[in-house]
């Protein structure tokens, strides 16, 4: 999609630090407006607006990468757990938020 910021990041048209994972199907990068240190986005390389539009193999890969990155983020940040949210409203490109959290962190995020 021509005006999708995530597509522009993936293509290199908009510079962004790539984080942890990049292949021809799934890319991750830091959220530009993180709600917690380590806040990472995981997106399919090909544009899909909604999660239910993903082919099964890409949906499976998205979850596999998110699960792997969640473990790495938990270790790296010292988080108690990693909050996972799937959205596609604010940026119309399927994306998962991985947000390091502590059990005593009561602020509602996303």
C-alpha atoms as a PDB file:
ATOM      1  CA  UNK A   1       0.000   0.000   0.000  1.00  0.00           C
ATOM      2  CA  UNK A   2       1.504   3.321  -1.086  1.00  0.00           C
ATOM      3  CA  UNK A   3       0.760   5.390   2.016  1.00  0.00           C
ATOM      4  CA  UNK A   4       1.340   2.738   4.710  1.00  0.00           C
ATOM      5  CA  UNK A   5       4.131   3.785   7.092  1.00  0.00           C
ATOM      6  CA  UNK A   6       4.950   0.158   7.941  1.00  0.00           C
ATOM      7  CA  UNK A   7       5.292  -0.731   4.244  1.00  0.00           C
ATOM      8  CA  UNK A   8       7.627   2.256   3.877  1.00  0.00           C
ATOM      9  CA  UNK A   9       9.700   1.122   6.865  1.00  0.00           C
ATOM     10  CA  UNK A  10       9.893  -2.438   5.519  1.00  0.00           C
ATOM     11  CA  UNK A  11      10.967  -1.236   2.055  1.00  0.00           C
ATOM     12  CA  UNK A  12      13.587   1.091   3.556  1.00  0.00           C
ATOM     13  CA  UNK A  13      11.863   4.201   2.217  1.00  0.00           C
ATOM     14  CA  UNK A  14      11.463   5.427   5.809  1.00  0.00           C
ATOM     15  CA  UNK A  15      14.459   4.750   8.045  1.00  0.00           C
ATOM     16  CA  UNK A  16      13.878   2.743  11.196  1.00  0.00           C
ATOM     17  CA  UNK A  17      15.993   0.610  13.425  1.00  0.00           C
ATOM     18  CA  UNK A  18      15.155  -2.988  12.668  1.00  0.00           C
ATOM     19  CA  UNK A  19      14.778  -4.985  15.859  1.00  0.00           C
ATOM     20  CA  UNK A  20      15.542  -8.605  16.433  1.00  0.00           C
ATOM     21  CA  UNK A  21      13.989 -10.196  13.336  1.00  0.00           C
ATOM     22  CA  UNK A  22      13.762  -9.574   9.620  1.00  0.00           C
ATOM     23  CA  UNK A  23      13.109 -12.010   6.793  1.00  0.00           C
ATOM     24  CA  UNK A  24      11.020 -11.995   3.622  1.00  0.00           C
ATOM     25  CA  UNK A  25       7.790 -12.662   5.587  1.00  0.00           C
ATOM     26  CA  UNK A  26       8.043 -11.066   9.047  1.00  0.00           C
ATOM     27  CA  UNK A  27       9.810  -7.911  10.265  1.00  0.00           C
ATOM     28  CA  UNK A  28      10.085  -6.378  13.712  1.00  0.00           C
ATOM     29  CA  UNK A  29      11.162  -2.905  14.774  1.00  0.00           C
ATOM     30  CA  UNK A  30      10.903  -0.640  17.824  1.00  0.00           C
ATOM     31  CA  UNK A  31       7.683   1.303  18.247  1.00  0.00           C
ATOM     32  CA  UNK A  32       8.337   4.962  17.438  1.00  0.00           C
ATOM     33  CA  UNK A  33       6.228   6.000  20.440  1.00  0.00           C
ATOM     34  CA  UNK A  34       6.971   3.240  22.964  1.00  0.00           C
ATOM     35  CA  UNK A  35       4.748   2.925  26.003  1.00  0.00           C
ATOM     36  CA  UNK A  36       7.522   1.007  27.802  1.00  0.00           C
ATOM     37  CA  UNK A  37      11.228   0.459  27.089  1.00  0.00           C
ATOM     38  CA  UNK A  38      11.605  -2.430  24.652  1.00  0.00           C
ATOM     39  CA  UNK A  39       8.153  -1.926  23.059  1.00  0.00           C
ATOM     40  CA  UNK A  40       8.480  -3.770  19.762  1.00  0.00           C
ATOM     41  CA  UNK A  41       6.224  -4.176  16.725  1.00  0.00           C
ATOM     42  CA  UNK A  42       6.040  -7.412  14.736  1.00  0.00           C
ATOM     43  CA  UNK A  43       4.490  -7.107  11.263  1.00  0.00           C
ATOM     44  CA  UNK A  44       4.051  -9.186   8.136  1.00  0.00           C
ATOM     45  CA  UNK A  45       6.337  -7.943   5.354  1.00  0.00           C
ATOM     46  CA  UNK A  46       3.433  -8.001   2.910  1.00  0.00           C
ATOM     47  CA  UNK A  47       0.591  -5.541   3.502  1.00  0.00           C
ATOM     48  CA  UNK A  48      -2.567  -6.877   5.134  1.00  0.00           C
ATOM     49  CA  UNK A  49      -4.854  -4.505   6.998  1.00  0.00           C
ATOM     50  CA  UNK A  50      -6.663  -6.988   9.232  1.00  0.00           C
ATOM     51  CA  UNK A  51      -5.497 -10.075  11.082  1.00  0.00           C
ATOM     52  CA  UNK A  52      -8.223 -12.279   9.573  1.00  0.00           C
ATOM     53  CA  UNK A  53      -6.910 -11.441   6.088  1.00  0.00           C
ATOM     54  CA  UNK A  54      -3.573 -13.155   6.764  1.00  0.00           C
ATOM     55  CA  UNK A  55      -2.933 -16.470   5.034  1.00  0.00           C
ATOM     56  CA  UNK A  56      -2.528 -19.249   7.605  1.00  0.00           C
ATOM     57  CA  UNK A  57       1.193 -19.688   6.981  1.00  0.00           C
ATOM     58  CA  UNK A  58       1.930 -15.983   7.540  1.00  0.00           C
ATOM     59  CA  UNK A  59      -0.285 -15.862  10.655  1.00  0.00           C
ATOM     60  CA  UNK A  60       1.585 -18.878  12.028  1.00  0.00           C
ATOM     61  CA  UNK A  61       4.962 -17.271  11.264  1.00  0.00           C
ATOM     62  CA  UNK A  62       3.839 -14.014  12.883  1.00  0.00           C
ATOM     63  CA  UNK A  63       3.003 -15.840  16.117  1.00  0.00           C
ATOM     64  CA  UNK A  64       6.188 -17.919  16.030  1.00  0.00           C
ATOM     65  CA  UNK A  65       8.349 -14.808  15.668  1.00  0.00           C
ATOM     66  CA  UNK A  66       6.334 -12.916  18.312  1.00  0.00           C
ATOM     67  CA  UNK A  67       6.721 -15.818  20.759  1.00  0.00           C
ATOM     68  CA  UNK A  68      10.488 -15.989  20.162  1.00  0.00           C
ATOM     69  CA  UNK A  69      10.913 -12.213  20.499  1.00  0.00           C
ATOM     70  CA  UNK A  70       8.758 -12.117  23.635  1.00  0.00           C
ATOM     71  CA  UNK A  71      11.167 -14.494  25.359  1.00  0.00           C
ATOM     72  CA  UNK A  72      14.151 -12.432  24.237  1.00  0.00           C
ATOM     73  CA  UNK A  73      12.523  -9.158  25.337  1.00  0.00           C
ATOM     74  CA  UNK A  74      11.596 -10.596  28.733  1.00  0.00           C
ATOM     75  CA  UNK A  75      15.201 -11.635  29.284  1.00  0.00           C
ATOM     76  CA  UNK A  76      16.697  -8.400  27.940  1.00  0.00           C
ATOM     77  CA  UNK A  77      14.413  -5.993  29.813  1.00  0.00           C
ATOM     78  CA  UNK A  78      13.908  -7.919  33.036  1.00  0.00           C
ATOM     79  CA  UNK A  79      10.137  -7.813  32.498  1.00  0.00           C
ATOM     80  CA  UNK A  80       7.832 -10.153  34.390  1.00  0.00           C
ATOM     81  CA  UNK A  81       5.842 -10.791  31.222  1.00  0.00           C
ATOM     82  CA  UNK A  82       5.321  -9.472  27.698  1.00  0.00           C
ATOM     83  CA  UNK A  83       1.935  -8.027  26.824  1.00  0.00           C
ATOM     84  CA  UNK A  84       0.852  -8.948  23.311  1.00  0.00           C
ATOM     85  CA  UNK A  85      -1.757  -6.925  21.444  1.00  0.00           C
ATOM     86  CA  UNK A  86      -2.859  -7.340  17.839  1.00  0.00           C
ATOM     87  CA  UNK A  87      -4.155  -4.215  16.174  1.00  0.00           C
ATOM     88  CA  UNK A  88      -4.562  -2.683  12.751  1.00  0.00           C
ATOM     89  CA  UNK A  89      -6.683   0.381  13.316  1.00  0.00           C
ATOM     90  CA  UNK A  90      -4.291   3.284  13.904  1.00  0.00           C
ATOM     91  CA  UNK A  91      -1.876   2.038  11.255  1.00  0.00           C
ATOM     92  CA  UNK A  92      -3.822  -0.019   8.703  1.00  0.00           C
ATOM     93  CA  UNK A  93      -1.256  -2.842   8.551  1.00  0.00           C
ATOM     94  CA  UNK A  94      -1.525  -5.895  10.803  1.00  0.00           C
ATOM     95  CA  UNK A  95       0.887  -5.533  13.683  1.00  0.00           C
ATOM     96  CA  UNK A  96       1.543  -7.074  17.036  1.00  0.00           C
ATOM     97  CA  UNK A  97       2.740  -4.987  19.955  1.00  0.00           C
ATOM     98  CA  UNK A  98       5.145  -6.715  22.315  1.00  0.00           C
ATOM     99  CA  UNK A  99       5.327  -4.642  25.492  1.00  0.00           C
ATOM    100  CA  UNK A 100       7.557  -5.587  28.419  1.00  0.00           C
ATOM    101  CA  UNK A 101       5.562  -5.321  31.679  1.00  0.00           C
ATOM    102  CA  UNK A 102       6.002  -5.774  35.426  1.00  0.00           C
ATOM    103  CA  UNK A 103       3.332  -7.347  37.639  1.00  0.00           C
ATOM    104  CA  UNK A 104       3.113  -4.180  39.747  1.00  0.00           C
ATOM    105  CA  UNK A 105       2.606  -2.013  36.646  1.00  0.00           C
ATOM    106  CA  UNK A 106      -1.080  -1.163  36.891  1.00  0.00           C
ATOM    107  CA  UNK A 107      -1.288   1.390  34.073  1.00  0.00           C
ATOM    108  CA  UNK A 108      -3.581   0.158  31.306  1.00  0.00           C
ATOM    109  CA  UNK A 109      -1.811   0.104  27.936  1.00  0.00           C
ATOM    110  CA  UNK A 110      -3.370  -0.270  24.505  1.00  0.00           C
END
